Amino acid sequence: MPKKLLLFAPAAFNLAETSRMLEIAKGIRQHPRACKRFELAFISDGGEFEPLIEKHGFPLTRMEPRLTEEKIEHIARVDRGEKFAPALSDAELAERVNNEITVLRNLQPVAVITGSYLTIPVTCRVLKIPLVWVIQSTWLPEFFCHGAGMTDGIRPRALKAVADWFVLRFINFWIKYGVLNSLNRTAKRFGVSGYNSIFEFWRGDITLVAEPAEFTGNRLPPDHFFIGPLIPTDEFALPPEIAALSRDKPLVYFAMGSSGNPEIVAHILESFAGKPYQVIAPIKFQLSRLPAVRIPENVLVTNWLPALKVNRMADAAVIHGGIGTVMVAALAGKPVVGVGMQMEQVANLAALERLGFAIRIAKSHNPGAKVQRAIRVLLEDERAKKNAAAFAQITSQWDGPRLAAERLLKQYGER
C-alpha cells in the first residue's frame, strides 16, 4: 500500500512552533505503524529555524515570496500588540495562496499540519485538503470568554463578567483588523468562504491541543484532542560553561523564546545586576537586534539551549509565556515569573498562576524591578515549589509526539 503524505507548515521564524511540528514528525517517524503509513515533508516561507527541519532529514520546500527580516519583525510587532496594522497585505496574501495552491497540487498531501502559518488554512479550503491545527486550550472560546486570563483579579463576579465581555470584544476587534478581514477578502477572491471568528480560523479537520488536559481544565470541542507537550530534547547542545557553573548561589533561567520584545528583554537583563543569584539567559537572539547592552557579571548570555535540561538545573524561571517556555517550565517543575508579550502569552501564564506556581508581571517598558521582587518571593515560596513539582509529575505522564502520531494514524492512515 503506498504511503500517504503528511505536510507540515510551520512559521519557521518561531522556534516553539517549528519545534512542535518537528516533534510530531519525529513521533511519526519513530512510531512502528505510523512510519509505514506516512511520508513526511515541510513547507516554509522563511525564518531562521528552517535549518532545524533539514537537520532532522525532512524534505523542505521553501515557499515564495520569502519573509524578510523586516516583514518578520512587522508580524511580531502586530502579534505583540505594538503595531496596529494588518500582518500581511491583500496582495501578499493572494500571492502566497496562489503559490501554495501550485505546490500542494503537486505534493497531494492527505492533510496539512500547522500552528500559525497564516495562509495555509485558506489554501486548504480552496483545495479541499484536511487541515490539522496544533494549538493550546488558551486559544479556545471557553478561555477567551472568561477574560483570557486578563481579568482574574477583578472582583466582584458581576464586575469581572463585564470586564470579560469587553476583553473578548477587544480581542475580536484586534484580530479581525490584523488578520481576519484581509484573509476573508483573500478567501472570497479564491471562491471559498471566510471565517466568522478567530475560533473558526483555528479549527481544523481535527485539532491537536499540545498540553496536558490538566493545564487549564477546559473542556474541548468535538474533534479536539489533548496530546500533551511537544518539547524538543535534542535540538541544541549544552555549552560546557553551563555544565561547569558553580552552584553556590540560586540559579535563574531567563528565556524569552523567539518572540520576546528586545527592549523589554534588555531591561529585565540589566535588572539582574548585583542580585544574589546566577542567571542563564539564552537571549542572544533578542540582544542582536539592539545596540550595546550591559550584561551583568552574574548573567551568562547564550544562544539557544536545551531548554528543558537547563530549566531543570534552575531554581526558578523568568519567561515570556509562549506555550513552549510554559510547557518546559511545567515539565521542569520550577516556579515561574512571567512577563507576557501578547495576549496568548498572558493567558498561558494565567494558567500557571492558577496552578499555584507562577507570578505574572504586566508588560511595560521596564518591568525589571517587579520581576526581581517576584523572583525573591518565589525562591522562598515552598508552596509554589511543591505545586510546580506536583504538576511536573502530571505533565510527565503525557507523551505528546506518540499521542499525536497515533491520532494522525487513526484519522488519516487507517482509511
Protein backbone atom coordinates (compact mmCIF):
# COMPACT_ATOMS: atom_id res chain seq x y z
CA MET A 1 0.00 0.00 0.00
CA PRO A 2 1.55 3.40 -0.98
CA LYS A 3 2.38 5.84 1.78
CA LYS A 4 0.33 8.99 2.29
CA LEU A 5 2.00 12.39 2.59
CA LEU A 6 1.57 14.50 5.72
CA LEU A 7 2.70 18.06 5.05
CA PHE A 8 3.87 20.31 7.89
CA ALA A 9 3.57 24.09 7.55
CA PRO A 10 5.28 25.84 10.48
CA ALA A 11 6.01 29.53 10.88
CA ALA A 12 9.74 28.85 10.84
CA PHE A 13 10.62 32.22 12.36
CA ASN A 14 9.08 30.95 15.61
CA LEU A 15 11.23 28.43 17.49
CA ALA A 16 8.43 26.94 19.59
CA GLU A 17 6.16 26.30 16.62
CA THR A 18 8.94 24.86 14.47
CA SER A 19 9.92 22.58 17.35
CA ARG A 20 6.32 21.41 17.86
CA MET A 21 5.97 20.47 14.21
CA LEU A 22 9.31 18.64 14.33
CA GLU A 23 8.34 16.73 17.48
CA ILE A 24 5.18 15.46 15.78
CA ALA A 25 7.14 14.48 12.67
CA LYS A 26 9.75 12.67 14.77
CA GLY A 27 6.97 10.97 16.72
CA ILE A 28 5.53 9.64 13.46
CA ARG A 29 8.94 8.52 12.22
CA GLN A 30 9.53 6.61 15.46
CA HIS A 31 6.06 5.06 15.65
CA PRO A 32 6.13 1.43 14.42
CA ARG A 33 2.89 1.70 12.42
CA ALA A 34 2.67 5.40 11.55
CA CYS A 35 6.11 5.39 9.91
CA LYS A 36 4.87 2.72 7.49
CA ARG A 37 1.76 4.69 6.51
CA PHE A 38 3.10 8.23 6.11
CA GLU A 39 5.68 10.16 4.19
CA LEU A 40 6.59 13.48 5.79
CA ALA A 41 7.50 16.84 4.27
CA PHE A 42 7.63 20.52 5.27
CA ILE A 43 6.98 23.86 3.64
CA SER A 44 8.16 27.24 4.94
CA ASP A 45 8.17 30.82 3.71
CA GLY A 46 11.19 31.89 5.75
CA GLY A 47 12.71 32.10 9.19
CA GLU A 48 15.96 31.28 10.90
CA PHE A 49 14.73 27.88 12.13
CA GLU A 50 14.35 26.30 8.69
CA PRO A 51 17.77 24.59 9.11
CA LEU A 52 16.36 22.64 12.09
CA ILE A 53 13.94 20.96 9.70
CA GLU A 54 16.70 19.87 7.33
CA LYS A 55 18.92 18.87 10.26
CA HIS A 56 16.44 16.09 11.00
CA GLY A 57 16.34 14.95 7.38
CA PHE A 58 12.85 16.10 6.44
CA PRO A 59 12.25 17.39 2.89
CA LEU A 60 11.63 21.15 2.89
CA THR A 61 10.06 23.24 0.14
CA ARG A 62 10.99 26.90 0.50
CA MET A 63 7.94 28.90 -0.50
CA GLU A 64 7.85 32.21 -2.33
CA PRO A 65 7.68 35.06 -1.58
CA ARG A 66 10.17 34.75 1.24
CA LEU A 67 9.57 36.54 4.53
CA THR A 68 12.27 39.15 5.05
CA GLU A 69 13.64 40.02 8.50
CA GLU A 70 11.74 43.30 8.29
CA LYS A 71 8.48 41.53 7.48
CA ILE A 72 9.01 39.02 10.30
CA GLU A 73 9.60 41.88 12.74
CA HIS A 74 6.45 43.61 11.47
CA ILE A 75 4.39 40.43 12.04
CA ALA A 76 5.91 40.04 15.51
CA ARG A 77 5.04 43.62 16.48
CA VAL A 78 1.45 43.18 15.27
CA ASP A 79 1.25 39.91 17.23
CA ARG A 80 2.57 41.59 20.41
CA GLY A 81 0.04 44.41 20.09
CA GLU A 82 2.74 47.00 19.49
CA LYS A 83 1.58 47.90 15.98
CA PHE A 84 -1.98 48.33 14.76
CA ALA A 85 -1.86 47.09 11.17
CA PRO A 86 -2.66 44.04 9.03
CA ALA A 87 0.02 41.36 9.31
CA LEU A 88 0.13 40.97 5.51
CA SER A 89 -1.48 42.98 2.72
CA ASP A 90 -4.20 41.60 0.44
CA ALA A 91 -1.71 41.40 -2.43
CA GLU A 92 0.80 39.49 -0.31
CA LEU A 93 -1.85 37.05 0.88
CA ALA A 94 -3.13 36.39 -2.64
CA GLU A 95 0.37 35.75 -3.98
CA ARG A 96 1.09 33.30 -1.18
CA VAL A 97 -2.16 31.39 -1.64
CA ASN A 98 -1.54 31.16 -5.39
CA ASN A 99 1.92 29.69 -4.82
CA GLU A 100 0.68 27.32 -2.13
CA ILE A 101 -2.04 26.01 -4.45
CA THR A 102 0.60 25.14 -7.04
CA VAL A 103 2.87 23.39 -4.53
CA LEU A 104 0.10 21.47 -2.74
CA ARG A 105 -1.44 20.28 -6.00
CA ASN A 106 1.93 18.82 -6.87
CA LEU A 107 2.53 17.24 -3.44
CA GLN A 108 -1.02 15.91 -2.92
CA PRO A 109 -0.89 15.67 0.89
CA VAL A 110 -3.54 13.71 2.75
CA ALA A 111 -3.53 16.52 5.36
CA VAL A 112 -1.62 19.69 6.26
CA ILE A 113 -0.48 20.33 9.84
CA THR A 114 0.16 23.86 11.09
CA GLY A 115 0.39 26.02 14.18
CA SER A 116 0.15 29.55 12.76
CA TYR A 117 1.08 29.53 9.07
CA LEU A 118 -1.21 32.38 8.09
CA THR A 119 -2.40 31.49 4.60
CA ILE A 120 -2.40 27.70 4.61
CA PRO A 121 -5.96 27.42 6.06
CA VAL A 122 -7.33 29.34 3.05
CA THR A 123 -5.29 27.22 0.63
CA CYS A 124 -6.60 24.03 2.23
CA ARG A 125 -10.17 25.29 1.83
CA VAL A 126 -9.55 26.01 -1.84
CA LEU A 127 -8.10 22.54 -2.48
CA LYS A 128 -10.40 20.72 0.00
CA ILE A 129 -7.39 19.26 1.83
CA PRO A 130 -7.91 18.40 5.53
CA LEU A 131 -6.19 20.84 7.90
CA VAL A 132 -4.80 19.91 11.32
CA TRP A 133 -4.21 22.71 13.80
CA VAL A 134 -1.78 22.32 16.73
CA ILE A 135 -2.89 24.77 19.43
CA GLN A 136 -3.29 25.19 23.18
CA SER A 137 -6.51 25.46 25.18
CA THR A 138 -5.88 29.15 25.88
CA TRP A 139 -6.85 29.69 22.22
CA LEU A 140 -10.31 28.20 22.73
CA PRO A 141 -13.60 30.09 23.24
CA GLU A 142 -14.10 28.85 26.80
CA PHE A 143 -10.87 30.52 27.93
CA PHE A 144 -11.41 33.73 25.94
CA CYS A 145 -14.99 34.11 27.16
CA HIS A 146 -13.75 34.21 30.74
CA GLY A 147 -11.29 37.04 30.23
CA ALA A 148 -8.34 35.17 28.66
CA GLY A 149 -6.51 35.42 31.97
CA MET A 150 -6.61 39.23 31.91
CA THR A 151 -9.49 39.64 34.38
CA ASP A 152 -8.60 37.03 37.00
CA GLY A 153 -8.04 39.59 39.76
CA ILE A 154 -11.28 41.54 39.26
CA ARG A 155 -13.96 41.36 41.96
CA PRO A 156 -16.91 41.13 42.43
CA ARG A 157 -18.09 38.49 39.94
CA ALA A 158 -20.51 40.87 38.19
CA LEU A 159 -17.73 43.38 37.51
CA LYS A 160 -15.49 40.59 36.21
CA ALA A 161 -18.25 39.48 33.83
CA VAL A 162 -18.41 42.99 32.38
CA ALA A 163 -14.62 43.05 32.03
CA ASP A 164 -14.70 39.61 30.36
CA TRP A 165 -17.19 40.95 27.81
CA PHE A 166 -15.01 43.94 26.96
CA VAL A 167 -11.84 41.82 26.72
CA LEU A 168 -13.49 39.39 24.31
CA ARG A 169 -14.80 42.21 22.11
CA PHE A 170 -11.43 43.95 22.05
CA ILE A 171 -9.59 40.75 21.14
CA ASN A 172 -12.09 40.03 18.36
CA PHE A 173 -11.71 43.57 17.01
CA TRP A 174 -7.91 43.42 17.10
CA ILE A 175 -7.71 40.02 15.40
CA LYS A 176 -10.26 40.93 12.74
CA TYR A 177 -8.32 44.05 11.80
CA GLY A 178 -4.89 42.45 11.96
CA VAL A 179 -5.70 39.06 10.39
CA LEU A 180 -9.25 38.04 9.55
CA ASN A 181 -10.51 40.92 7.40
CA SER A 182 -7.70 40.58 4.86
CA LEU A 183 -7.84 36.77 5.00
CA ASN A 184 -11.57 36.84 4.34
CA ARG A 185 -11.10 39.08 1.31
CA THR A 186 -8.47 36.64 0.06
CA ALA A 187 -10.78 33.67 0.65
CA LYS A 188 -13.54 35.42 -1.32
CA ARG A 189 -11.09 36.11 -4.15
CA PHE A 190 -10.42 32.35 -4.40
CA GLY A 191 -14.09 31.41 -4.21
CA VAL A 192 -14.25 29.93 -0.70
CA SER A 193 -15.94 31.02 2.50
CA GLY A 194 -14.12 33.13 5.06
CA TYR A 195 -14.02 32.99 8.85
CA ASN A 196 -16.61 34.45 11.21
CA SER A 197 -14.19 34.47 14.14
CA ILE A 198 -10.65 33.58 15.07
CA PHE A 199 -12.00 30.43 16.72
CA GLU A 200 -13.30 29.23 13.36
CA PHE A 201 -9.94 30.04 11.76
CA TRP A 202 -8.09 27.98 14.39
CA ARG A 203 -10.35 24.96 13.96
CA GLY A 204 -9.23 22.21 11.63
CA ASP A 205 -10.48 18.89 10.39
CA ILE A 206 -9.02 17.83 13.73
CA THR A 207 -7.23 19.97 16.31
CA LEU A 208 -4.37 18.74 18.49
CA VAL A 209 -4.06 20.52 21.84
CA ALA A 210 -0.40 20.38 22.81
CA GLU A 211 -0.67 20.34 26.60
CA PRO A 212 -1.85 18.05 29.38
CA ALA A 213 -5.60 18.11 29.97
CA GLU A 214 -4.92 19.43 33.48
CA PHE A 215 -3.23 22.65 32.24
CA THR A 216 -6.43 24.71 32.17
CA GLY A 217 -9.09 22.06 32.84
CA ASN A 218 -11.09 23.41 29.89
CA ARG A 219 -13.45 21.12 28.04
CA LEU A 220 -12.60 20.53 24.41
CA PRO A 221 -14.97 20.98 21.46
CA PRO A 222 -15.59 17.99 19.15
CA ASP A 223 -12.62 16.86 17.06
CA HIS A 224 -10.14 18.43 19.53
CA PHE A 225 -7.72 16.10 21.32
CA PHE A 226 -5.26 16.64 24.15
CA ILE A 227 -1.88 15.14 23.25
CA GLY A 228 0.44 16.63 25.88
CA PRO A 229 3.51 18.87 25.47
CA LEU A 230 5.70 18.84 22.38
CA ILE A 231 9.07 19.74 23.87
CA PRO A 232 12.34 19.20 21.96
CA THR A 233 15.14 17.44 23.81
CA ASP A 234 17.81 17.16 21.12
CA GLU A 235 17.85 20.43 19.16
CA PHE A 236 20.72 22.20 20.93
CA ALA A 237 23.82 21.13 22.87
CA LEU A 238 24.58 22.15 26.45
CA PRO A 239 27.58 24.53 26.41
CA PRO A 240 30.44 23.41 28.70
CA GLU A 241 30.42 26.72 30.56
CA ILE A 242 26.90 25.95 31.82
CA ALA A 243 27.77 22.43 32.90
CA ALA A 244 30.73 23.91 34.82
CA LEU A 245 28.73 26.59 36.67
CA SER A 246 29.21 26.70 40.41
CA ARG A 247 26.01 26.02 42.36
CA ASP A 248 26.85 28.09 45.43
CA LYS A 249 24.04 30.54 44.59
CA PRO A 250 20.45 30.11 43.38
CA LEU A 251 20.16 29.76 39.61
CA VAL A 252 17.57 31.59 37.49
CA TYR A 253 16.71 30.59 33.92
CA PHE A 254 15.79 33.65 31.84
CA ALA A 255 14.22 32.70 28.50
CA MET A 256 12.13 34.87 26.20
CA GLY A 257 11.73 32.47 23.27
CA SER A 258 11.92 33.88 19.76
CA SER A 259 9.08 36.40 20.17
CA GLY A 260 10.12 38.50 23.18
CA ASN A 261 10.32 42.27 22.76
CA PRO A 262 14.09 43.03 22.59
CA GLU A 263 13.90 46.30 24.54
CA ILE A 264 11.93 44.74 27.39
CA VAL A 265 14.25 41.73 27.40
CA ALA A 266 17.26 44.08 27.73
CA HIS A 267 15.69 45.98 30.64
CA ILE A 268 14.97 42.75 32.51
CA LEU A 269 18.52 41.57 31.80
CA GLU A 270 20.00 44.73 33.29
CA SER A 271 17.83 44.35 36.41
CA PHE A 272 19.80 41.21 37.37
CA ALA A 273 22.90 43.30 38.15
CA GLY A 274 24.13 42.77 41.71
CA LYS A 275 21.47 40.23 42.63
CA PRO A 276 22.45 37.24 44.82
CA TYR A 277 21.89 34.58 42.16
CA GLN A 278 23.30 33.41 38.87
CA VAL A 279 21.36 33.71 35.64
CA ILE A 280 21.46 31.65 32.45
CA ALA A 281 19.93 33.67 29.60
CA PRO A 282 19.56 32.25 26.05
CA ILE A 283 18.67 35.70 24.70
CA LYS A 284 21.38 36.45 22.14
CA PHE A 285 18.63 36.40 19.52
CA GLN A 286 16.92 39.44 21.09
CA LEU A 287 20.12 41.31 22.03
CA SER A 288 21.44 41.04 18.46
CA ARG A 289 18.72 43.48 17.42
CA LEU A 290 19.84 46.18 19.83
CA PRO A 291 22.85 48.47 20.24
CA ALA A 292 25.28 47.58 23.04
CA VAL A 293 23.57 46.22 26.15
CA ARG A 294 25.24 45.99 29.55
CA ILE A 295 25.40 42.36 30.62
CA PRO A 296 25.68 41.96 34.41
CA GLU A 297 28.56 39.87 35.77
CA ASN A 298 26.19 37.29 37.25
CA VAL A 299 24.46 36.63 33.89
CA LEU A 300 25.64 34.16 31.27
CA VAL A 301 24.11 35.13 27.91
CA THR A 302 23.99 32.32 25.35
CA ASN A 303 22.46 31.24 22.06
CA TRP A 304 19.66 28.66 22.05
CA LEU A 305 19.97 25.96 24.71
CA PRO A 306 18.41 22.58 25.54
CA ALA A 307 15.65 24.38 27.40
CA LEU A 308 14.28 21.52 29.49
CA LYS A 309 17.69 20.41 30.69
CA VAL A 310 18.71 23.93 31.76
CA ASN A 311 15.35 24.74 33.34
CA ARG A 312 15.66 21.61 35.48
CA MET A 313 19.03 22.89 36.70
CA ALA A 314 17.49 26.22 37.78
CA ASP A 315 15.62 27.22 40.93
CA ALA A 316 13.19 29.50 39.10
CA ALA A 317 12.42 30.63 35.55
CA VAL A 318 11.67 34.05 34.09
CA ILE A 319 9.79 33.57 30.81
CA HIS A 320 7.57 35.41 28.31
CA GLY A 321 4.77 32.84 28.41
CA GLY A 322 4.92 31.34 24.94
CA ILE A 323 3.49 27.82 25.11
CA GLY A 324 6.96 26.34 24.57
CA THR A 325 8.52 28.10 27.57
CA VAL A 326 5.40 27.43 29.66
CA MET A 327 5.39 23.69 28.95
CA VAL A 328 9.16 23.49 29.56
CA ALA A 329 8.67 25.14 32.97
CA ALA A 330 5.78 22.75 33.71
CA LEU A 331 7.90 19.69 32.86
CA ALA A 332 10.87 21.07 34.78
CA GLY A 333 8.73 21.60 37.86
CA LYS A 334 10.07 25.06 38.66
CA PRO A 335 8.31 28.26 39.81
CA VAL A 336 7.82 30.91 37.14
CA VAL A 337 7.91 34.67 36.83
CA GLY A 338 6.12 35.58 33.62
CA VAL A 339 6.06 38.75 31.52
CA GLY A 340 3.59 38.11 28.69
CA MET A 341 4.41 39.98 25.48
CA GLN A 342 1.00 39.42 23.87
CA MET A 343 -2.47 38.16 24.73
CA GLU A 344 -1.86 34.45 24.20
CA GLN A 345 1.20 34.54 26.46
CA VAL A 346 -0.70 36.38 29.19
CA ALA A 347 -3.33 33.64 29.00
CA ASN A 348 -0.72 30.86 29.22
CA LEU A 349 0.86 32.49 32.26
CA ALA A 350 -2.56 32.87 33.86
CA ALA A 351 -2.96 29.10 33.63
CA LEU A 352 0.32 28.57 35.50
CA GLU A 353 -0.70 31.18 38.07
CA ARG A 354 -3.96 29.34 38.69
CA LEU A 355 -1.93 26.16 39.23
CA GLY A 356 -0.12 27.92 42.06
CA PHE A 357 3.48 28.29 40.93
CA ALA A 358 3.69 31.49 38.89
CA ILE A 359 3.63 35.25 39.34
CA ARG A 360 2.58 37.35 36.37
CA ILE A 361 4.11 40.76 35.73
CA ALA A 362 2.30 43.13 33.38
CA LYS A 363 4.13 44.06 30.21
CA SER A 364 5.63 47.53 30.45
CA HIS A 365 8.61 49.45 29.10
CA ASN A 366 10.76 48.37 32.06
CA PRO A 367 9.29 45.67 34.33
CA GLY A 368 12.71 44.79 35.82
CA ALA A 369 12.05 45.90 39.42
CA LYS A 370 8.78 43.95 39.60
CA VAL A 371 10.47 40.89 38.10
CA GLN A 372 13.17 40.98 40.75
CA ARG A 373 10.64 41.26 43.59
CA ALA A 374 8.73 38.29 42.17
CA ILE A 375 11.92 36.19 41.92
CA ARG A 376 12.72 36.86 45.58
CA VAL A 377 9.20 35.78 46.56
CA LEU A 378 9.28 32.55 44.56
CA LEU A 379 12.76 31.50 45.66
CA GLU A 380 11.40 31.34 49.21
CA ASP A 381 7.88 30.11 48.46
CA GLU A 382 7.78 26.44 49.44
CA ARG A 383 4.15 26.05 48.41
CA ALA A 384 4.92 27.28 44.87
CA LYS A 385 7.84 24.84 44.66
CA LYS A 386 5.60 21.99 45.83
CA ASN A 387 2.85 22.92 43.34
CA ALA A 388 5.37 23.10 40.50
CA ALA A 389 6.82 19.69 41.35
CA ALA A 390 3.33 18.16 41.56
CA PHE A 391 2.32 19.50 38.16
CA ALA A 392 5.60 18.26 36.67
CA GLN A 393 4.59 14.76 37.72
CA ILE A 394 1.26 15.16 35.93
CA THR A 395 2.83 16.65 32.81
CA SER A 396 5.48 13.94 32.55
CA GLN A 397 2.79 11.28 32.07
CA TRP A 398 1.93 12.72 28.64
CA ASP A 399 3.88 11.67 25.54
CA GLY A 400 2.97 14.35 23.01
CA PRO A 401 4.84 13.02 19.93
CA ARG A 402 3.48 9.48 20.37
CA LEU A 403 -0.10 10.60 21.03
CA ALA A 404 -0.01 12.95 18.02
CA ALA A 405 1.28 10.12 15.82
CA GLU A 406 -1.48 7.79 16.99
CA ARG A 407 -4.21 10.37 16.45
CA LEU A 408 -2.97 11.19 12.93
CA LEU A 409 -2.64 7.49 12.14
CA LYS A 410 -6.23 6.87 13.23
CA GLN A 411 -7.52 9.89 11.31
CA TYR A 412 -5.61 9.61 8.04
CA GLY A 413 -3.53 6.43 7.95
CA GLU A 414 -6.07 3.71 8.53
CA ARG A 415 -8.71 4.73 6.00
